[in-house]
Amino acid sequence: MDPIFVGTCKYAIDSQRRVPLYKEWRVGDESPSFVLLPGRGGTIHAMPESLFREVIVSRAKQVSIANGNQADALALMGSRAHFTSVDKQGRIKLTPELMEHAGIEDQVVMVGGITTIQLMSPEKWAAKDQNMEAVLDTYDSVHHLGRIE
């Protein structure tokens, strides 16, 4: 069964750049693995390794190494991605590069993005447009893609 990530949590980051993972998000095996990727708008996406393999790796296999732009994009993504496993205390470890990308220092907000977890600074989360009508409009436009009405 695929994990579902909902809810929002704010945590302190310890001196070794570890942050607890919301208990309800620690699903699957005893030590689930995530791939951390830089996201748009100064965020970090934590994607379960199984989903990363299913979505990202399967598409990457279709990229021709003869296509320089696509090969460069994969290399750049791969160079900034980071594998992390949930430790026995339920924490994941962030890299300095990803923390810098997201402007995260000593606090992080983790936001359930349904299929992934978004990590960002408390300031970025506070600045996000949280107008529920706009969110529902965006969801509706994605939900109706490919449908004939």
N, C-alpha and C. Protein backbone atom coordinates (compact mmCIF):
# COMPACT_ATOMS: atom_id res chain seq x y z
N MET A 1 0.84 -1.18 0.00
CA MET A 1 0.00 0.00 0.00
C MET A 1 0.89 1.25 0.00
N ASP A 2 0.55 2.20 -0.84
CA ASP A 2 1.32 3.44 -0.92
C ASP A 2 1.04 4.32 0.28
N PRO A 3 2.09 4.95 0.82
CA PRO A 3 1.87 5.87 1.95
C PRO A 3 1.13 7.12 1.50
N ILE A 4 0.41 7.70 2.42
CA ILE A 4 -0.30 8.96 2.18
C ILE A 4 0.20 9.95 3.24
N PHE A 5 0.62 11.11 2.80
CA PHE A 5 1.18 12.12 3.70
C PHE A 5 0.22 13.30 3.80
N VAL A 6 -0.40 13.44 4.96
CA VAL A 6 -1.29 14.58 5.21
C VAL A 6 -0.94 15.17 6.57
N GLY A 7 -1.22 16.45 6.73
CA GLY A 7 -0.94 17.14 7.98
C GLY A 7 0.27 18.05 7.85
N THR A 8 0.53 18.78 8.92
CA THR A 8 1.64 19.73 8.97
C THR A 8 2.28 19.64 10.35
N CYS A 9 3.60 19.64 10.38
CA CYS A 9 4.35 19.57 11.64
C CYS A 9 5.51 20.56 11.59
N LYS A 10 5.83 21.13 12.74
CA LYS A 10 7.00 22.01 12.85
C LYS A 10 7.95 21.36 13.85
N TYR A 11 9.22 21.23 13.46
CA TYR A 11 10.22 20.58 14.30
C TYR A 11 11.50 21.39 14.37
N ALA A 12 12.23 21.18 15.45
CA ALA A 12 13.59 21.71 15.57
C ALA A 12 14.54 20.73 14.89
N ILE A 13 15.58 21.26 14.31
CA ILE A 13 16.63 20.44 13.69
C ILE A 13 17.78 20.37 14.68
N ASP A 14 18.31 19.17 14.91
CA ASP A 14 19.40 19.04 15.89
C ASP A 14 20.73 19.42 15.25
N SER A 15 21.79 19.40 16.04
CA SER A 15 23.11 19.85 15.58
C SER A 15 23.69 18.95 14.48
N GLN A 16 23.16 17.75 14.32
CA GLN A 16 23.64 16.85 13.26
C GLN A 16 22.71 16.87 12.04
N ARG A 17 21.85 17.88 11.97
CA ARG A 17 20.93 18.11 10.86
C ARG A 17 19.87 17.01 10.75
N ARG A 18 19.48 16.45 11.88
CA ARG A 18 18.43 15.43 11.90
C ARG A 18 17.13 16.07 12.35
N VAL A 19 16.05 15.56 11.78
CA VAL A 19 14.72 16.08 12.11
C VAL A 19 13.77 14.89 12.25
N PRO A 20 12.92 14.91 13.28
CA PRO A 20 11.96 13.80 13.42
C PRO A 20 10.97 13.78 12.27
N LEU A 21 10.57 12.59 11.92
CA LEU A 21 9.53 12.42 10.92
C LEU A 21 8.23 12.14 11.67
N TYR A 22 7.20 12.85 11.31
CA TYR A 22 5.88 12.70 11.91
C TYR A 22 5.55 11.21 12.00
N LYS A 23 5.15 10.76 13.18
CA LYS A 23 4.95 9.33 13.43
C LYS A 23 4.04 8.68 12.40
N GLU A 24 2.94 9.33 12.03
CA GLU A 24 2.00 8.76 11.08
C GLU A 24 2.59 8.60 9.68
N TRP A 25 3.71 9.27 9.41
CA TRP A 25 4.34 9.17 8.10
C TRP A 25 5.39 8.06 8.04
N ARG A 26 5.69 7.45 9.16
CA ARG A 26 6.68 6.37 9.20
C ARG A 26 5.95 5.06 8.94
N VAL A 27 5.68 4.81 7.67
CA VAL A 27 4.92 3.62 7.29
C VAL A 27 5.80 2.66 6.51
N GLY A 28 5.32 1.46 6.35
CA GLY A 28 6.07 0.49 5.56
C GLY A 28 7.07 -0.26 6.40
N ASP A 29 8.25 -0.48 5.83
CA ASP A 29 9.24 -1.27 6.55
C ASP A 29 9.69 -0.57 7.82
N GLU A 30 10.50 -1.26 8.58
CA GLU A 30 10.93 -0.72 9.86
C GLU A 30 11.79 0.54 9.70
N SER A 31 12.52 0.63 8.61
CA SER A 31 13.36 1.80 8.37
C SER A 31 13.11 2.30 6.95
N PRO A 32 11.98 2.98 6.72
CA PRO A 32 11.69 3.43 5.35
C PRO A 32 12.75 4.40 4.84
N SER A 33 12.99 4.35 3.55
CA SER A 33 13.97 5.22 2.92
C SER A 33 13.26 6.28 2.09
N PHE A 34 13.86 7.45 2.06
CA PHE A 34 13.35 8.57 1.28
C PHE A 34 14.46 9.12 0.40
N VAL A 35 14.07 9.72 -0.70
CA VAL A 35 14.99 10.50 -1.52
C VAL A 35 14.60 11.95 -1.31
N LEU A 36 15.56 12.77 -0.92
CA LEU A 36 15.33 14.20 -0.73
C LEU A 36 15.79 14.92 -1.99
N LEU A 37 14.91 15.76 -2.52
CA LEU A 37 15.18 16.49 -3.75
C LEU A 37 14.89 17.97 -3.55
N PRO A 38 15.72 18.85 -4.15
CA PRO A 38 15.37 20.27 -4.09
C PRO A 38 14.11 20.51 -4.90
N GLY A 39 13.22 21.34 -4.37
CA GLY A 39 11.98 21.66 -5.06
C GLY A 39 11.91 23.14 -5.41
N ARG A 40 10.91 23.47 -6.16
CA ARG A 40 10.69 24.88 -6.54
C ARG A 40 10.36 25.72 -5.32
N GLY A 41 10.65 26.98 -5.41
CA GLY A 41 10.28 27.91 -4.35
C GLY A 41 11.01 27.68 -3.04
N GLY A 42 12.20 27.10 -3.10
CA GLY A 42 12.98 26.91 -1.88
C GLY A 42 12.39 25.86 -0.96
N THR A 43 11.98 24.74 -1.53
CA THR A 43 11.47 23.65 -0.73
C THR A 43 12.33 22.41 -0.94
N ILE A 44 12.13 21.43 -0.09
CA ILE A 44 12.75 20.11 -0.25
C ILE A 44 11.59 19.12 -0.34
N HIS A 45 11.67 18.21 -1.28
CA HIS A 45 10.68 17.15 -1.38
C HIS A 45 11.28 15.86 -0.85
N ALA A 46 10.60 15.24 0.10
CA ALA A 46 10.97 13.92 0.58
C ALA A 46 10.03 12.93 -0.08
N MET A 47 10.59 12.09 -0.92
CA MET A 47 9.80 11.14 -1.70
C MET A 47 10.18 9.73 -1.26
N PRO A 48 9.20 8.90 -0.91
CA PRO A 48 9.55 7.52 -0.58
C PRO A 48 10.38 6.90 -1.70
N GLU A 49 11.41 6.13 -1.32
CA GLU A 49 12.28 5.55 -2.33
C GLU A 49 11.50 4.74 -3.37
N SER A 50 10.48 4.02 -2.92
CA SER A 50 9.69 3.21 -3.86
C SER A 50 9.01 4.10 -4.91
N LEU A 51 8.47 5.25 -4.49
CA LEU A 51 7.84 6.17 -5.44
C LEU A 51 8.88 6.81 -6.36
N PHE A 52 10.04 7.15 -5.81
CA PHE A 52 11.13 7.71 -6.60
C PHE A 52 11.50 6.74 -7.73
N ARG A 53 11.62 5.46 -7.38
CA ARG A 53 11.97 4.46 -8.40
C ARG A 53 10.85 4.32 -9.43
N GLU A 54 9.61 4.33 -8.96
CA GLU A 54 8.46 4.16 -9.84
C GLU A 54 8.28 5.33 -10.80
N VAL A 55 8.43 6.55 -10.29
CA VAL A 55 8.13 7.73 -11.10
C VAL A 55 9.39 8.30 -11.77
N ILE A 56 10.38 8.63 -10.99
CA ILE A 56 11.56 9.34 -11.52
C ILE A 56 12.49 8.39 -12.28
N VAL A 57 12.86 7.28 -11.67
CA VAL A 57 13.82 6.38 -12.31
C VAL A 57 13.22 5.77 -13.58
N SER A 58 11.93 5.41 -13.54
CA SER A 58 11.33 4.82 -14.75
C SER A 58 11.35 5.81 -15.91
N ARG A 59 11.13 7.06 -15.63
CA ARG A 59 11.18 8.08 -16.70
C ARG A 59 12.61 8.37 -17.11
N ALA A 60 13.53 8.33 -16.16
CA ALA A 60 14.94 8.59 -16.47
C ALA A 60 15.50 7.53 -17.41
N LYS A 61 14.99 6.32 -17.31
CA LYS A 61 15.46 5.25 -18.19
C LYS A 61 15.11 5.51 -19.65
N GLN A 62 14.15 6.40 -19.89
CA GLN A 62 13.73 6.71 -21.25
C GLN A 62 14.54 7.85 -21.86
N VAL A 63 15.38 8.49 -21.06
CA VAL A 63 16.19 9.61 -21.55
C VAL A 63 17.37 9.09 -22.35
N SER A 64 17.57 9.68 -23.50
CA SER A 64 18.72 9.32 -24.33
C SER A 64 19.95 10.07 -23.83
N ILE A 65 21.04 9.34 -23.62
CA ILE A 65 22.28 10.03 -23.21
C ILE A 65 22.81 10.91 -24.33
N ALA A 66 22.29 10.71 -25.53
CA ALA A 66 22.69 11.56 -26.66
C ALA A 66 22.01 12.93 -26.59
N ASN A 67 20.96 13.05 -25.79
CA ASN A 67 20.28 14.33 -25.63
C ASN A 67 20.97 15.06 -24.47
N GLY A 68 21.82 15.99 -24.81
CA GLY A 68 22.63 16.69 -23.81
C GLY A 68 21.83 17.40 -22.74
N ASN A 69 20.76 18.09 -23.12
CA ASN A 69 19.97 18.82 -22.13
C ASN A 69 19.33 17.88 -21.12
N GLN A 70 18.76 16.79 -21.62
CA GLN A 70 18.11 15.84 -20.71
C GLN A 70 19.14 15.14 -19.82
N ALA A 71 20.27 14.76 -20.40
CA ALA A 71 21.32 14.10 -19.62
C ALA A 71 21.86 15.05 -18.55
N ASP A 72 22.02 16.33 -18.91
CA ASP A 72 22.49 17.32 -17.93
C ASP A 72 21.47 17.51 -16.81
N ALA A 73 20.19 17.53 -17.17
CA ALA A 73 19.15 17.70 -16.16
C ALA A 73 19.16 16.52 -15.18
N LEU A 74 19.31 15.31 -15.70
CA LEU A 74 19.37 14.14 -14.81
C LEU A 74 20.61 14.19 -13.92
N ALA A 75 21.74 14.60 -14.48
CA ALA A 75 22.97 14.68 -13.69
C ALA A 75 22.82 15.72 -12.59
N LEU A 76 22.22 16.85 -12.91
CA LEU A 76 22.03 17.90 -11.91
C LEU A 76 21.08 17.43 -10.81
N MET A 77 19.98 16.79 -11.21
CA MET A 77 19.04 16.26 -10.22
C MET A 77 19.72 15.21 -9.35
N GLY A 78 20.44 14.30 -9.99
CA GLY A 78 21.12 13.25 -9.24
C GLY A 78 22.18 13.79 -8.29
N SER A 79 22.86 14.85 -8.70
CA SER A 79 23.92 15.40 -7.86
C SER A 79 23.37 16.10 -6.61
N ARG A 80 22.14 16.56 -6.69
CA ARG A 80 21.56 17.29 -5.55
C ARG A 80 20.60 16.44 -4.71
N ALA A 81 20.27 15.26 -5.21
CA ALA A 81 19.40 14.36 -4.47
C ALA A 81 20.19 13.69 -3.35
N HIS A 82 19.45 13.20 -2.35
CA HIS A 82 20.10 12.57 -1.20
C HIS A 82 19.20 11.46 -0.66
N PHE A 83 19.77 10.26 -0.50
CA PHE A 83 19.05 9.16 0.14
C PHE A 83 19.13 9.34 1.64
N THR A 84 18.05 9.08 2.33
CA THR A 84 18.05 9.09 3.79
C THR A 84 17.08 8.01 4.28
N SER A 85 17.47 7.34 5.34
CA SER A 85 16.60 6.35 5.97
C SER A 85 16.14 6.89 7.31
N VAL A 86 14.98 6.45 7.73
CA VAL A 86 14.49 6.84 9.04
C VAL A 86 15.26 6.03 10.08
N ASP A 87 15.92 6.72 11.02
CA ASP A 87 16.70 6.01 12.03
C ASP A 87 15.81 5.45 13.13
N LYS A 88 16.40 4.80 14.11
CA LYS A 88 15.63 4.14 15.17
C LYS A 88 14.82 5.12 16.01
N GLN A 89 15.24 6.39 16.03
CA GLN A 89 14.49 7.42 16.76
C GLN A 89 13.47 8.13 15.87
N GLY A 90 13.31 7.65 14.63
CA GLY A 90 12.30 8.22 13.73
C GLY A 90 12.73 9.51 13.06
N ARG A 91 14.05 9.69 12.88
CA ARG A 91 14.56 10.94 12.28
C ARG A 91 15.13 10.68 10.90
N ILE A 92 15.10 11.74 10.08
CA ILE A 92 15.82 11.74 8.81
C ILE A 92 16.89 12.81 8.88
N LYS A 93 17.90 12.68 8.03
CA LYS A 93 19.02 13.63 8.06
C LYS A 93 19.02 14.46 6.78
N LEU A 94 19.15 15.76 6.96
CA LEU A 94 19.20 16.71 5.84
C LEU A 94 20.66 17.01 5.49
N THR A 95 20.90 17.40 4.26
CA THR A 95 22.24 17.82 3.86
C THR A 95 22.36 19.33 3.99
N PRO A 96 23.58 19.83 4.19
CA PRO A 96 23.76 21.29 4.24
C PRO A 96 23.29 21.97 2.95
N GLU A 97 23.52 21.33 1.81
CA GLU A 97 23.12 21.91 0.52
C GLU A 97 21.61 22.05 0.40
N LEU A 98 20.90 21.02 0.80
CA LEU A 98 19.44 21.09 0.72
C LEU A 98 18.89 22.10 1.72
N MET A 99 19.48 22.15 2.91
CA MET A 99 19.03 23.14 3.90
C MET A 99 19.26 24.56 3.37
N GLU A 100 20.40 24.78 2.73
CA GLU A 100 20.67 26.11 2.17
C GLU A 100 19.68 26.43 1.06
N HIS A 101 19.41 25.45 0.18
CA HIS A 101 18.44 25.65 -0.90
C HIS A 101 17.09 26.10 -0.36
N ALA A 102 16.68 25.50 0.77
CA ALA A 102 15.36 25.78 1.34
C ALA A 102 15.38 26.91 2.37
N GLY A 103 16.54 27.46 2.67
CA GLY A 103 16.62 28.52 3.68
C GLY A 103 16.27 28.02 5.08
N ILE A 104 16.53 26.74 5.32
CA ILE A 104 16.23 26.12 6.61
C ILE A 104 17.44 26.25 7.51
N GLU A 105 17.19 26.69 8.74
CA GLU A 105 18.29 26.80 9.71
C GLU A 105 18.06 25.86 10.88
N ASP A 106 17.33 26.29 11.88
CA ASP A 106 17.14 25.45 13.07
C ASP A 106 15.73 24.92 13.23
N GLN A 107 14.80 25.36 12.39
CA GLN A 107 13.41 24.90 12.43
C GLN A 107 12.99 24.52 11.01
N VAL A 108 12.11 23.53 10.93
CA VAL A 108 11.58 23.11 9.63
C VAL A 108 10.10 22.82 9.78
N VAL A 109 9.35 23.15 8.74
CA VAL A 109 7.95 22.77 8.67
C VAL A 109 7.86 21.66 7.64
N MET A 110 7.22 20.56 8.05
CA MET A 110 6.98 19.44 7.15
C MET A 110 5.50 19.45 6.79
N VAL A 111 5.23 19.44 5.50
CA VAL A 111 3.86 19.54 5.01
C VAL A 111 3.55 18.29 4.20
N GLY A 112 2.46 17.62 4.56
CA GLY A 112 2.04 16.46 3.80
C GLY A 112 1.55 16.89 2.43
N GLY A 113 2.20 16.40 1.40
CA GLY A 113 1.82 16.71 0.02
C GLY A 113 1.14 15.53 -0.65
N ILE A 114 0.43 14.73 0.11
CA ILE A 114 -0.31 13.55 -0.31
C ILE A 114 0.64 12.41 -0.70
N THR A 115 1.45 12.59 -1.77
CA THR A 115 2.37 11.52 -2.19
C THR A 115 3.80 11.77 -1.73
N THR A 116 4.12 13.00 -1.38
CA THR A 116 5.46 13.36 -0.90
C THR A 116 5.31 14.25 0.33
N ILE A 117 6.44 14.53 0.95
CA ILE A 117 6.48 15.45 2.07
C ILE A 117 7.29 16.67 1.62
N GLN A 118 6.76 17.85 1.84
CA GLN A 118 7.51 19.07 1.52
C GLN A 118 8.09 19.62 2.81
N LEU A 119 9.37 19.97 2.76
CA LEU A 119 10.04 20.58 3.89
C LEU A 119 10.40 22.00 3.51
N MET A 120 10.18 22.93 4.45
CA MET A 120 10.49 24.33 4.18
C MET A 120 10.70 25.07 5.49
N SER A 121 11.21 26.26 5.38
CA SER A 121 11.39 27.09 6.57
C SER A 121 10.02 27.55 7.07
N PRO A 122 9.90 27.82 8.37
CA PRO A 122 8.62 28.33 8.88
C PRO A 122 8.19 29.61 8.18
N GLU A 123 9.14 30.44 7.80
CA GLU A 123 8.82 31.70 7.10
C GLU A 123 8.21 31.43 5.73
N LYS A 124 8.77 30.46 5.01
CA LYS A 124 8.21 30.13 3.68
C LYS A 124 6.80 29.57 3.82
N TRP A 125 6.59 28.72 4.82
CA TRP A 125 5.26 28.16 5.00
C TRP A 125 4.26 29.26 5.35
N ALA A 126 4.66 30.19 6.21
CA ALA A 126 3.76 31.28 6.60
C ALA A 126 3.42 32.17 5.41
N ALA A 127 4.37 32.30 4.47
CA ALA A 127 4.15 33.18 3.31
C ALA A 127 3.35 32.51 2.19
N LYS A 128 3.19 31.19 2.26
CA LYS A 128 2.44 30.50 1.20
C LYS A 128 1.00 31.00 1.18
N ASP A 129 0.46 31.08 -0.02
CA ASP A 129 -0.94 31.46 -0.17
C ASP A 129 -1.78 30.29 0.30
N GLN A 130 -2.46 30.44 1.41
CA GLN A 130 -3.24 29.35 1.96
C GLN A 130 -4.74 29.58 1.74
N ASN A 131 -5.06 30.24 0.65
CA ASN A 131 -6.44 30.47 0.27
C ASN A 131 -7.03 29.14 -0.22
N MET A 132 -7.91 28.56 0.55
CA MET A 132 -8.43 27.23 0.24
C MET A 132 -9.18 27.20 -1.09
N GLU A 133 -9.86 28.27 -1.45
CA GLU A 133 -10.57 28.30 -2.75
C GLU A 133 -9.57 28.16 -3.90
N ALA A 134 -8.44 28.87 -3.82
CA ALA A 134 -7.43 28.78 -4.87
C ALA A 134 -6.83 27.37 -4.92
N VAL A 135 -6.62 26.78 -3.76
CA VAL A 135 -6.09 25.42 -3.70
C VAL A 135 -7.07 24.45 -4.36
N LEU A 136 -8.33 24.57 -4.04
CA LEU A 136 -9.34 23.68 -4.63
C LEU A 136 -9.46 23.89 -6.13
N ASP A 137 -9.32 25.13 -6.61
CA ASP A 137 -9.35 25.39 -8.05
C ASP A 137 -8.18 24.70 -8.74
N THR A 138 -6.99 24.79 -8.13
CA THR A 138 -5.81 24.15 -8.71
C THR A 138 -5.99 22.64 -8.73
N TYR A 139 -6.46 22.08 -7.62
CA TYR A 139 -6.71 20.63 -7.57
C TYR A 139 -7.71 20.23 -8.64
N ASP A 140 -8.77 21.00 -8.78
CA ASP A 140 -9.81 20.69 -9.76
C ASP A 140 -9.24 20.68 -11.17
N SER A 141 -8.37 21.63 -11.49
CA SER A 141 -7.80 21.68 -12.83
C SER A 141 -6.89 20.47 -13.09
N VAL A 142 -6.16 20.01 -12.09
CA VAL A 142 -5.32 18.83 -12.24
C VAL A 142 -6.18 17.59 -12.34
N HIS A 143 -7.20 17.52 -11.51
CA HIS A 143 -8.07 16.34 -11.46
C HIS A 143 -8.78 16.13 -12.78
N HIS A 144 -9.08 17.20 -13.49
CA HIS A 144 -9.83 17.09 -14.74
C HIS A 144 -8.95 16.93 -15.98
N LEU A 145 -7.64 16.91 -15.81
CA LEU A 145 -6.76 16.72 -16.96
C LEU A 145 -7.10 15.40 -17.64
N GLY A 146 -7.17 15.44 -18.94
CA GLY A 146 -7.44 14.23 -19.69
C GLY A 146 -8.89 13.83 -19.76
N ARG A 147 -9.75 14.53 -19.10
CA ARG A 147 -11.18 14.21 -19.15
C ARG A 147 -11.86 15.04 -20.24
N ILE A 148 -12.82 14.46 -20.85
CA ILE A 148 -13.61 15.19 -21.83
C ILE A 148 -14.90 15.60 -21.14
N GLU A 149 -15.19 16.86 -21.17
CA GLU A 149 -16.40 17.34 -20.49
C GLU A 149 -17.38 17.86 -21.49
